[in-house]
Amino acid sequence: MIVVGIDGSLAARAAVVWAADHASRTHQPLRLVHAVDRQPYQITKFPDVDPSDQLRRAGEKALDEAVALVHERHPGLEVVALLEEGPPARILREQGRAATELVVGSRGLGPVSGALLGSVSGQVAGHIEAPVVVVQAGRHPASGRIVVGVDDGPECRPALAYAYEQAALRGSALLVVHGWRPPVLAAGSELPSVVEQDRAGREEMVRSILAPFARRYPDVTVTEDIRYAGAVEALTAASEQADLLVVGSHGRRTAASALLGSVSRGVLHRARCTVAVVRAS
């Protein structure tokens, strides 16, 4: 089941389109979720059924429109709409526990609750087991390319698995990006031999990590891009010509350390395409 956050915005509409298309490819049902968040309005008590409750009625309208959009694109797709009371981030985390993926819009300022869906993406991504997809609003010409970041940390392998699967499902090419700052001497000058040795080691590391995925997905065309740049800078630049950018998160389980790493957080703020954050187990 794929869960989608709905807030009545254009960004949420883009998230519905992305999720519906993906659900159709993977033969999964959709659950559309809207959170009625009364806190911004300092409303402390409402009856469960109140004809004058504009927040609930606006949420129901947004959900009805989202369901209609799904049926328009994929008439046979199973879809359920759910209206919940509470802060959007908490509601989406709860719903995401039973999901294969959680999808939200990137800049969702909707008329329903006045809450930014884009602001909750950082409170959800990396906090649940399922991948969190943050969909960019607006029209972007399809490039037929998926970008994934890779390093020597364990969190990149689940991200690679997700990226390869997406590429295989879509028939897309895969660009594997490793951002790298070459070693610098204390005086500030680079040793060419050390730089080349370091680069060769990184190329070998990337090839080693990719080898099992290449055997599993022989039909996916893969290009390796090892560049002199910070990880966020390299991935942001690659996102300019991509349909989807995939990054890993640390997946630590304590509340204090479950926050996104600096790369995932930076990519969510700066990427020019839809971003999938895939948590390591």
C-alpha atoms as a PDB file:
ATOM      1  CA  MET A   1       0.000   0.000   0.000  1.00  0.00           C
ATOM      2  CA  ILE A   2       1.223   3.480  -0.949  1.00  0.00           C
ATOM      3  CA  VAL A   3       0.207   6.344   1.369  1.00  0.00           C
ATOM      4  CA  VAL A   4      -0.136   9.895   0.044  1.00  0.00           C
ATOM      5  CA  GLY A   5      -0.386  13.075   2.103  1.00  0.00           C
ATOM      6  CA  ILE A   6      -3.146  15.405   0.866  1.00  0.00           C
ATOM      7  CA  ASP A   7      -3.520  19.102   1.767  1.00  0.00           C
ATOM      8  CA  GLY A   8      -5.438  20.580  -1.164  1.00  0.00           C
ATOM      9  CA  SER A   9      -2.380  22.164  -2.802  1.00  0.00           C
ATOM     10  CA  LEU A  10      -0.850  21.847  -6.265  1.00  0.00           C
ATOM     11  CA  ALA A  11       2.092  20.053  -4.640  1.00  0.00           C
ATOM     12  CA  ALA A  12      -0.258  17.471  -3.135  1.00  0.00           C
ATOM     13  CA  ARG A  13      -1.894  17.020  -6.544  1.00  0.00           C
ATOM     14  CA  ALA A  14       1.544  16.316  -8.020  1.00  0.00           C
ATOM     15  CA  ALA A  15       2.138  13.783  -5.235  1.00  0.00           C
ATOM     16  CA  VAL A  16      -1.149  12.038  -6.070  1.00  0.00           C
ATOM     17  CA  VAL A  17      -0.205  11.797  -9.749  1.00  0.00           C
ATOM     18  CA  TRP A  18       3.233  10.377  -8.913  1.00  0.00           C
ATOM     19  CA  ALA A  19       1.843   7.870  -6.421  1.00  0.00           C
ATOM     20  CA  ALA A  20      -1.032   6.773  -8.668  1.00  0.00           C
ATOM     21  CA  ASP A  21       1.316   6.128 -11.583  1.00  0.00           C
ATOM     22  CA  HIS A  22       3.692   4.183  -9.350  1.00  0.00           C
ATOM     23  CA  ALA A  23       0.848   2.206  -7.764  1.00  0.00           C
ATOM     24  CA  SER A  24      -0.361   1.266 -11.235  1.00  0.00           C
ATOM     25  CA  ARG A  25       3.114   0.030 -12.207  1.00  0.00           C
ATOM     26  CA  THR A  26       3.487  -2.034  -9.044  1.00  0.00           C
ATOM     27  CA  HIS A  27      -0.151  -3.144  -8.660  1.00  0.00           C
ATOM     28  CA  GLN A  28      -0.575  -1.641  -5.196  1.00  0.00           C
ATOM     29  CA  PRO A  29      -3.558   0.115  -3.585  1.00  0.00           C
ATOM     30  CA  LEU A  30      -3.446   3.795  -2.625  1.00  0.00           C
ATOM     31  CA  ARG A  31      -4.411   5.391   0.674  1.00  0.00           C
ATOM     32  CA  LEU A  32      -4.960   9.156   0.510  1.00  0.00           C
ATOM     33  CA  VAL A  33      -4.587  10.818   3.929  1.00  0.00           C
ATOM     34  CA  HIS A  34      -5.528  14.308   5.030  1.00  0.00           C
ATOM     35  CA  ALA A  35      -4.726  15.567   8.537  1.00  0.00           C
ATOM     36  CA  VAL A  36      -7.105  18.125  10.045  1.00  0.00           C
ATOM     37  CA  ASP A  37      -4.696  20.246  12.046  1.00  0.00           C
ATOM     38  CA  ARG A  38      -6.541  22.653  14.337  1.00  0.00           C
ATOM     39  CA  GLN A  39      -3.462  23.873  16.207  1.00  0.00           C
ATOM     40  CA  PRO A  40      -2.612  26.759  13.826  1.00  0.00           C
ATOM     41  CA  TYR A  41      -6.095  28.117  14.462  1.00  0.00           C
ATOM     42  CA  GLN A  42      -5.931  27.593  18.251  1.00  0.00           C
ATOM     43  CA  ILE A  43      -9.173  25.660  18.213  1.00  0.00           C
ATOM     44  CA  THR A  44      -9.334  23.462  21.291  1.00  0.00           C
ATOM     45  CA  LYS A  45     -12.581  21.537  20.980  1.00  0.00           C
ATOM     46  CA  PHE A  46     -14.801  20.496  18.101  1.00  0.00           C
ATOM     47  CA  PRO A  47     -17.570  17.871  17.987  1.00  0.00           C
ATOM     48  CA  ASP A  48     -16.897  14.923  15.726  1.00  0.00           C
ATOM     49  CA  VAL A  49     -19.786  15.858  13.452  1.00  0.00           C
ATOM     50  CA  ASP A  50     -20.336  19.576  12.937  1.00  0.00           C
ATOM     51  CA  PRO A  51     -21.826  21.009   9.701  1.00  0.00           C
ATOM     52  CA  SER A  52     -20.043  24.282  10.400  1.00  0.00           C
ATOM     53  CA  ASP A  53     -16.621  22.678  10.665  1.00  0.00           C
ATOM     54  CA  GLN A  54     -14.915  24.234   7.664  1.00  0.00           C
ATOM     55  CA  LEU A  55     -11.629  22.429   8.254  1.00  0.00           C
ATOM     56  CA  ARG A  56     -13.195  18.998   7.980  1.00  0.00           C
ATOM     57  CA  ARG A  57     -15.332  19.950   5.003  1.00  0.00           C
ATOM     58  CA  ALA A  58     -12.329  21.410   3.193  1.00  0.00           C
ATOM     59  CA  GLY A  59     -10.360  18.251   3.946  1.00  0.00           C
ATOM     60  CA  GLU A  60     -13.145  16.052   2.616  1.00  0.00           C
ATOM     61  CA  LYS A  61     -13.285  18.169  -0.552  1.00  0.00           C
ATOM     62  CA  ALA A  62      -9.535  17.840  -1.062  1.00  0.00           C
ATOM     63  CA  LEU A  63      -9.754  14.068  -0.620  1.00  0.00           C
ATOM     64  CA  ASP A  64     -12.714  13.801  -3.023  1.00  0.00           C
ATOM     65  CA  GLU A  65     -10.763  15.725  -5.653  1.00  0.00           C
ATOM     66  CA  ALA A  66      -7.720  13.523  -5.137  1.00  0.00           C
ATOM     67  CA  VAL A  67      -9.793  10.341  -5.490  1.00  0.00           C
ATOM     68  CA  ALA A  68     -11.322  11.697  -8.704  1.00  0.00           C
ATOM     69  CA  LEU A  69      -7.836  12.446 -10.046  1.00  0.00           C
ATOM     70  CA  VAL A  70      -6.683   8.890  -9.314  1.00  0.00           C
ATOM     71  CA  HIS A  71      -9.744   7.390 -11.036  1.00  0.00           C
ATOM     72  CA  GLU A  72      -9.210   9.687 -14.021  1.00  0.00           C
ATOM     73  CA  ARG A  73      -5.632   8.479 -14.527  1.00  0.00           C
ATOM     74  CA  HIS A  74      -6.099   4.833 -13.491  1.00  0.00           C
ATOM     75  CA  PRO A  75      -9.791   3.846 -13.396  1.00  0.00           C
ATOM     76  CA  GLY A  76      -9.186   0.370 -11.971  1.00  0.00           C
ATOM     77  CA  LEU A  77      -6.806   1.384  -9.201  1.00  0.00           C
ATOM     78  CA  GLU A  78      -7.905   0.644  -5.633  1.00  0.00           C
ATOM     79  CA  VAL A  79      -7.962   3.856  -3.592  1.00  0.00           C
ATOM     80  CA  VAL A  80      -9.137   4.724  -0.069  1.00  0.00           C
ATOM     81  CA  ALA A  81      -9.506   8.231   1.414  1.00  0.00           C
ATOM     82  CA  LEU A  82      -8.869   8.840   5.111  1.00  0.00           C
ATOM     83  CA  LEU A  83      -9.479  11.977   7.188  1.00  0.00           C
ATOM     84  CA  GLU A  84      -7.570  12.102  10.486  1.00  0.00           C
ATOM     85  CA  GLU A  85      -7.319  14.641  13.303  1.00  0.00           C
ATOM     86  CA  GLY A  86      -3.876  15.820  14.369  1.00  0.00           C
ATOM     87  CA  PRO A  87      -0.575  17.345  13.214  1.00  0.00           C
ATOM     88  CA  PRO A  88       0.270  16.276   9.612  1.00  0.00           C
ATOM     89  CA  ALA A  89       3.748  14.937  10.433  1.00  0.00           C
ATOM     90  CA  ARG A  90       2.479  12.687  13.217  1.00  0.00           C
ATOM     91  CA  ILE A  91      -0.468  11.420  11.188  1.00  0.00           C
ATOM     92  CA  LEU A  92       1.731  10.636   8.195  1.00  0.00           C
ATOM     93  CA  ARG A  93       4.299   8.842  10.342  1.00  0.00           C
ATOM     94  CA  GLU A  94       1.532   6.709  11.834  1.00  0.00           C
ATOM     95  CA  GLN A  95       0.043   5.887   8.444  1.00  0.00           C
ATOM     96  CA  GLY A  96       3.497   5.286   6.984  1.00  0.00           C
ATOM     97  CA  ARG A  97       4.179   2.403   9.356  1.00  0.00           C
ATOM     98  CA  ALA A  98       1.954   0.119   7.271  1.00  0.00           C
ATOM     99  CA  ALA A  99       3.027   1.545   3.898  1.00  0.00           C
ATOM    100  CA  THR A 100       5.464   0.376   1.255  1.00  0.00           C
ATOM    101  CA  GLU A 101       6.030   4.054   0.397  1.00  0.00           C
ATOM    102  CA  LEU A 102       4.906   7.427   1.714  1.00  0.00           C
ATOM    103  CA  VAL A 103       4.467  10.229  -0.818  1.00  0.00           C
ATOM    104  CA  VAL A 104       4.101  13.964  -0.069  1.00  0.00           C
ATOM    105  CA  GLY A 105       4.307  17.186  -2.014  1.00  0.00           C
ATOM    106  CA  SER A 106       7.375  19.346  -1.739  1.00  0.00           C
ATOM    107  CA  ARG A 107       5.915  22.816  -1.246  1.00  0.00           C
ATOM    108  CA  GLY A 108       2.350  22.183  -0.240  1.00  0.00           C
ATOM    109  CA  LEU A 109       0.702  25.330   1.084  1.00  0.00           C
ATOM    110  CA  GLY A 110      -2.923  24.390   0.679  1.00  0.00           C
ATOM    111  CA  PRO A 111      -6.215  26.097   1.475  1.00  0.00           C
ATOM    112  CA  VAL A 112      -7.248  23.173   3.682  1.00  0.00           C
ATOM    113  CA  SER A 113      -5.204  23.649   6.816  1.00  0.00           C
ATOM    114  CA  GLY A 114      -2.596  26.259   6.002  1.00  0.00           C
ATOM    115  CA  ALA A 115       0.098  23.704   6.858  1.00  0.00           C
ATOM    116  CA  LEU A 116       3.178  23.308   4.691  1.00  0.00           C
ATOM    117  CA  LEU A 117       3.431  19.706   3.546  1.00  0.00           C
ATOM    118  CA  GLY A 118       6.953  20.517   2.405  1.00  0.00           C
ATOM    119  CA  SER A 119       7.891  21.355   5.983  1.00  0.00           C
ATOM    120  CA  VAL A 120       6.709  17.965   7.271  1.00  0.00           C
ATOM    121  CA  SER A 121       8.749  15.994   4.740  1.00  0.00           C
ATOM    122  CA  GLY A 122      11.835  16.428   6.903  1.00  0.00           C
ATOM    123  CA  GLN A 123       9.859  15.256   9.936  1.00  0.00           C
ATOM    124  CA  VAL A 124       8.780  12.098   8.123  1.00  0.00           C
ATOM    125  CA  ALA A 125      11.693  11.117   5.874  1.00  0.00           C
ATOM    126  CA  GLY A 126      14.083   8.887   7.771  1.00  0.00           C
ATOM    127  CA  HIS A 127      11.601   8.407  10.642  1.00  0.00           C
ATOM    128  CA  ILE A 128       9.678   5.475   9.141  1.00  0.00           C
ATOM    129  CA  GLU A 129      10.836   2.225   7.586  1.00  0.00           C
ATOM    130  CA  ALA A 130       9.250   2.902   4.194  1.00  0.00           C
ATOM    131  CA  PRO A 131      10.846   5.137   1.558  1.00  0.00           C
ATOM    132  CA  VAL A 132       9.527   8.707   1.635  1.00  0.00           C
ATOM    133  CA  VAL A 133       9.033  10.349  -1.756  1.00  0.00           C
ATOM    134  CA  VAL A 134       8.897  14.160  -1.881  1.00  0.00           C
ATOM    135  CA  VAL A 135       7.363  15.209  -5.202  1.00  0.00           C
ATOM    136  CA  GLN A 136       8.240  18.504  -6.850  1.00  0.00           C
ATOM    137  CA  ALA A 137       5.239  20.531  -7.987  1.00  0.00           C
ATOM    138  CA  GLY A 138       5.182  22.058 -11.450  1.00  0.00           C
ATOM    139  CA  ARG A 139       5.783  20.650 -14.902  1.00  0.00           C
ATOM    140  CA  HIS A 140       9.155  19.034 -15.524  1.00  0.00           C
ATOM    141  CA  PRO A 141       9.893  17.392 -18.873  1.00  0.00           C
ATOM    142  CA  ALA A 142      10.683  13.714 -18.418  1.00  0.00           C
ATOM    143  CA  SER A 143      14.378  12.939 -18.797  1.00  0.00           C
ATOM    144  CA  GLY A 144      14.256   9.159 -18.571  1.00  0.00           C
ATOM    145  CA  ARG A 145      16.960   9.294 -15.906  1.00  0.00           C
ATOM    146  CA  ILE A 146      17.105   8.364 -12.239  1.00  0.00           C
ATOM    147  CA  VAL A 147      19.967   9.594 -10.049  1.00  0.00           C
ATOM    148  CA  VAL A 148      21.183   7.859  -6.907  1.00  0.00           C
ATOM    149  CA  GLY A 149      23.867   8.928  -4.462  1.00  0.00           C
ATOM    150  CA  VAL A 150      26.439   6.386  -3.344  1.00  0.00           C
ATOM    151  CA  ASP A 151      29.234   6.296  -0.782  1.00  0.00           C
ATOM    152  CA  ASP A 152      30.916   3.645   1.328  1.00  0.00           C
ATOM    153  CA  GLY A 153      28.294   3.823   4.107  1.00  0.00           C
ATOM    154  CA  PRO A 154      25.685   1.100   4.696  1.00  0.00           C
ATOM    155  CA  GLU A 155      22.773   3.502   4.099  1.00  0.00           C
ATOM    156  CA  CYS A 156      23.477   3.698   0.367  1.00  0.00           C
ATOM    157  CA  ARG A 157      22.636   0.042  -0.361  1.00  0.00           C
ATOM    158  CA  PRO A 158      18.879   0.260   0.350  1.00  0.00           C
ATOM    159  CA  ALA A 159      18.842   3.466  -1.704  1.00  0.00           C
ATOM    160  CA  LEU A 160      20.582   1.663  -4.566  1.00  0.00           C
ATOM    161  CA  ALA A 161      18.090  -1.206  -4.396  1.00  0.00           C
ATOM    162  CA  TYR A 162      15.216   1.281  -4.617  1.00  0.00           C
ATOM    163  CA  ALA A 163      16.837   3.227  -7.465  1.00  0.00           C
ATOM    164  CA  TYR A 164      17.538   0.108  -9.529  1.00  0.00           C
ATOM    165  CA  GLU A 165      13.970  -1.105  -9.016  1.00  0.00           C
ATOM    166  CA  GLN A 166      12.567   2.251 -10.093  1.00  0.00           C
ATOM    167  CA  ALA A 167      14.801   2.290 -13.171  1.00  0.00           C
ATOM    168  CA  ALA A 168      13.718  -1.226 -14.127  1.00  0.00           C
ATOM    169  CA  LEU A 169      10.020  -0.413 -13.648  1.00  0.00           C
ATOM    170  CA  ARG A 170      10.220   2.793 -15.685  1.00  0.00           C
ATOM    171  CA  GLY A 171      12.736   1.694 -18.318  1.00  0.00           C
ATOM    172  CA  SER A 172      14.957   4.574 -17.172  1.00  0.00           C
ATOM    173  CA  ALA A 173      18.717   4.983 -17.237  1.00  0.00           C
ATOM    174  CA  LEU A 174      20.473   5.172 -13.867  1.00  0.00           C
ATOM    175  CA  LEU A 175      23.156   7.721 -12.992  1.00  0.00           C
ATOM    176  CA  VAL A 176      25.190   6.763  -9.909  1.00  0.00           C
ATOM    177  CA  VAL A 177      26.787   9.840  -8.345  1.00  0.00           C
ATOM    178  CA  HIS A 178      29.638   9.917  -5.845  1.00  0.00           C
ATOM    179  CA  GLY A 179      30.707  13.369  -4.680  1.00  0.00           C
ATOM    180  CA  TRP A 180      34.321  13.517  -3.641  1.00  0.00           C
ATOM    181  CA  ARG A 181      36.662  16.127  -2.238  1.00  0.00           C
ATOM    182  CA  PRO A 182      40.249  15.215  -3.168  1.00  0.00           C
ATOM    183  CA  PRO A 183      42.854  15.103  -0.377  1.00  0.00           C
ATOM    184  CA  VAL A 184      44.713  18.339   0.279  1.00  0.00           C
ATOM    185  CA  LEU A 185      48.077  18.836   1.962  1.00  0.00           C
ATOM    186  CA  ALA A 186      48.344  20.952   5.086  1.00  0.00           C
ATOM    187  CA  ALA A 187      49.856  23.755   3.001  1.00  0.00           C
ATOM    188  CA  GLY A 188      46.816  23.666   0.708  1.00  0.00           C
ATOM    189  CA  SER A 189      48.389  22.074  -2.372  1.00  0.00           C
ATOM    190  CA  GLU A 190      47.183  18.767  -3.803  1.00  0.00           C
ATOM    191  CA  LEU A 191      49.540  15.882  -4.541  1.00  0.00           C
ATOM    192  CA  PRO A 192      48.577  14.570  -8.018  1.00  0.00           C
ATOM    193  CA  SER A 193      49.688  11.051  -7.211  1.00  0.00           C
ATOM    194  CA  VAL A 194      47.683  10.994  -3.991  1.00  0.00           C
ATOM    195  CA  VAL A 195      44.629  12.420  -5.746  1.00  0.00           C
ATOM    196  CA  GLU A 196      44.792   9.822  -8.520  1.00  0.00           C
ATOM    197  CA  GLN A 197      45.289   7.015  -6.036  1.00  0.00           C
ATOM    198  CA  ASP A 198      42.337   8.217  -3.992  1.00  0.00           C
ATOM    199  CA  ARG A 199      40.158   8.523  -7.100  1.00  0.00           C
ATOM    200  CA  ALA A 200      41.087   5.016  -8.244  1.00  0.00           C
ATOM    201  CA  GLY A 201      40.143   3.670  -4.829  1.00  0.00           C
ATOM    202  CA  ARG A 202      36.776   5.408  -4.983  1.00  0.00           C
ATOM    203  CA  GLU A 203      36.073   4.113  -8.470  1.00  0.00           C
ATOM    204  CA  GLU A 204      36.806   0.593  -7.268  1.00  0.00           C
ATOM    205  CA  MET A 205      34.566   1.123  -4.241  1.00  0.00           C
ATOM    206  CA  VAL A 206      31.654   2.224  -6.437  1.00  0.00           C
ATOM    207  CA  ARG A 207      32.131  -0.695  -8.854  1.00  0.00           C
ATOM    208  CA  SER A 208      32.206  -3.139  -5.943  1.00  0.00           C
ATOM    209  CA  ILE A 209      28.983  -1.755  -4.448  1.00  0.00           C
ATOM    210  CA  LEU A 210      27.211  -1.801  -7.810  1.00  0.00           C
ATOM    211  CA  ALA A 211      28.285  -5.328  -8.820  1.00  0.00           C
ATOM    212  CA  PRO A 212      25.442  -7.302  -7.145  1.00  0.00           C
ATOM    213  CA  PHE A 213      22.821  -4.862  -8.441  1.00  0.00           C
ATOM    214  CA  ALA A 214      24.219  -5.078 -11.966  1.00  0.00           C
ATOM    215  CA  ARG A 215      23.785  -8.853 -11.866  1.00  0.00           C
ATOM    216  CA  ARG A 216      20.238  -8.533 -10.555  1.00  0.00           C
ATOM    217  CA  TYR A 217      19.216  -5.830 -13.063  1.00  0.00           C
ATOM    218  CA  PRO A 218      21.176  -6.570 -16.242  1.00  0.00           C
ATOM    219  CA  ASP A 219      18.826  -4.500 -18.432  1.00  0.00           C
ATOM    220  CA  VAL A 220      19.308  -1.250 -16.502  1.00  0.00           C
ATOM    221  CA  THR A 221      21.781   1.104 -18.189  1.00  0.00           C
ATOM    222  CA  VAL A 222      24.108   2.543 -15.556  1.00  0.00           C
ATOM    223  CA  THR A 223      26.548   5.453 -15.732  1.00  0.00           C
ATOM    224  CA  GLU A 224      28.976   6.205 -12.925  1.00  0.00           C
ATOM    225  CA  ASP A 225      29.741   9.839 -12.105  1.00  0.00           C
ATOM    226  CA  ILE A 226      32.562  10.425  -9.633  1.00  0.00           C
ATOM    227  CA  ARG A 227      33.095  14.148  -9.385  1.00  0.00           C
ATOM    228  CA  TYR A 228      35.083  16.659  -7.359  1.00  0.00           C
ATOM    229  CA  ALA A 229      32.277  18.129  -5.293  1.00  0.00           C
ATOM    230  CA  GLY A 230      30.501  17.787  -1.990  1.00  0.00           C
ATOM    231  CA  ALA A 231      27.755  15.190  -1.976  1.00  0.00           C
ATOM    232  CA  VAL A 232      24.892  17.705  -1.799  1.00  0.00           C
ATOM    233  CA  GLU A 233      26.427  19.849  -4.528  1.00  0.00           C
ATOM    234  CA  ALA A 234      27.001  16.847  -6.814  1.00  0.00           C
ATOM    235  CA  LEU A 235      23.526  15.407  -6.324  1.00  0.00           C
ATOM    236  CA  THR A 236      21.804  18.768  -6.704  1.00  0.00           C
ATOM    237  CA  ALA A 237      23.598  19.379  -9.999  1.00  0.00           C
ATOM    238  CA  ALA A 238      22.639  15.913 -11.250  1.00  0.00           C
ATOM    239  CA  SER A 239      18.996  16.486 -10.261  1.00  0.00           C
ATOM    240  CA  GLU A 240      18.671  19.191 -12.917  1.00  0.00           C
ATOM    241  CA  GLN A 241      18.338  16.483 -15.582  1.00  0.00           C
ATOM    242  CA  ALA A 242      16.563  13.761 -13.609  1.00  0.00           C
ATOM    243  CA  ASP A 243      13.051  12.470 -12.997  1.00  0.00           C
ATOM    244  CA  LEU A 244      13.931  11.110  -9.563  1.00  0.00           C
ATOM    245  CA  LEU A 245      16.810  11.505  -7.119  1.00  0.00           C
ATOM    246  CA  VAL A 246      17.332   8.748  -4.542  1.00  0.00           C
ATOM    247  CA  VAL A 247      19.337   9.189  -1.339  1.00  0.00           C
ATOM    248  CA  GLY A 248      19.813   7.058   1.749  1.00  0.00           C
ATOM    249  CA  SER A 249      19.292   8.006   5.378  1.00  0.00           C
ATOM    250  CA  HIS A 250      21.006   6.622   8.448  1.00  0.00           C
ATOM    251  CA  GLY A 251      17.997   4.836   9.891  1.00  0.00           C
ATOM    252  CA  ARG A 252      19.122   5.097  13.504  1.00  0.00           C
ATOM    253  CA  ARG A 253      16.313   4.228  15.826  1.00  0.00           C
ATOM    254  CA  THR A 254      16.624   6.616  18.760  1.00  0.00           C
ATOM    255  CA  ALA A 255      14.505   9.755  18.688  1.00  0.00           C
ATOM    256  CA  ALA A 256      17.497  12.057  18.859  1.00  0.00           C
ATOM    257  CA  SER A 257      19.408  10.372  16.038  1.00  0.00           C
ATOM    258  CA  ALA A 258      16.506   9.566  13.708  1.00  0.00           C
ATOM    259  CA  LEU A 259      16.865  12.957  12.073  1.00  0.00           C
ATOM    260  CA  LEU A 260      17.996  13.094   8.478  1.00  0.00           C
ATOM    261  CA  GLY A 261      21.703  13.278   7.804  1.00  0.00           C
ATOM    262  CA  SER A 262      23.159  16.462   6.349  1.00  0.00           C
ATOM    263  CA  VAL A 263      23.206  15.075   2.788  1.00  0.00           C
ATOM    264  CA  SER A 264      19.569  13.949   2.794  1.00  0.00           C
ATOM    265  CA  ARG A 265      18.464  17.199   4.398  1.00  0.00           C
ATOM    266  CA  GLY A 266      20.468  19.299   1.954  1.00  0.00           C
ATOM    267  CA  VAL A 267      19.160  17.391  -1.051  1.00  0.00           C
ATOM    268  CA  LEU A 268      15.540  17.793   0.085  1.00  0.00           C
ATOM    269  CA  HIS A 269      16.021  21.549   0.237  1.00  0.00           C
ATOM    270  CA  ARG A 270      17.962  21.996  -3.007  1.00  0.00           C
ATOM    271  CA  ALA A 271      17.068  19.226  -5.477  1.00  0.00           C
ATOM    272  CA  ARG A 272      15.353  20.194  -8.735  1.00  0.00           C
ATOM    273  CA  CYS A 273      13.357  16.984  -9.084  1.00  0.00           C
ATOM    274  CA  THR A 274      11.352  14.519  -7.011  1.00  0.00           C
ATOM    275  CA  VAL A 275      13.413  13.018  -4.161  1.00  0.00           C
ATOM    276  CA  ALA A 276      13.098   9.583  -2.560  1.00  0.00           C
ATOM    277  CA  VAL A 277      14.684   9.182   0.882  1.00  0.00           C
ATOM    278  CA  VAL A 278      15.303   5.517   1.640  1.00  0.00           C
ATOM    279  CA  ARG A 279      16.090   4.567   5.203  1.00  0.00           C
ATOM    280  CA  ALA A 280      18.652   1.932   6.100  1.00  0.00           C
ATOM    281  CA  SER A 281      17.337  -0.816   8.395  1.00  0.00           C
END
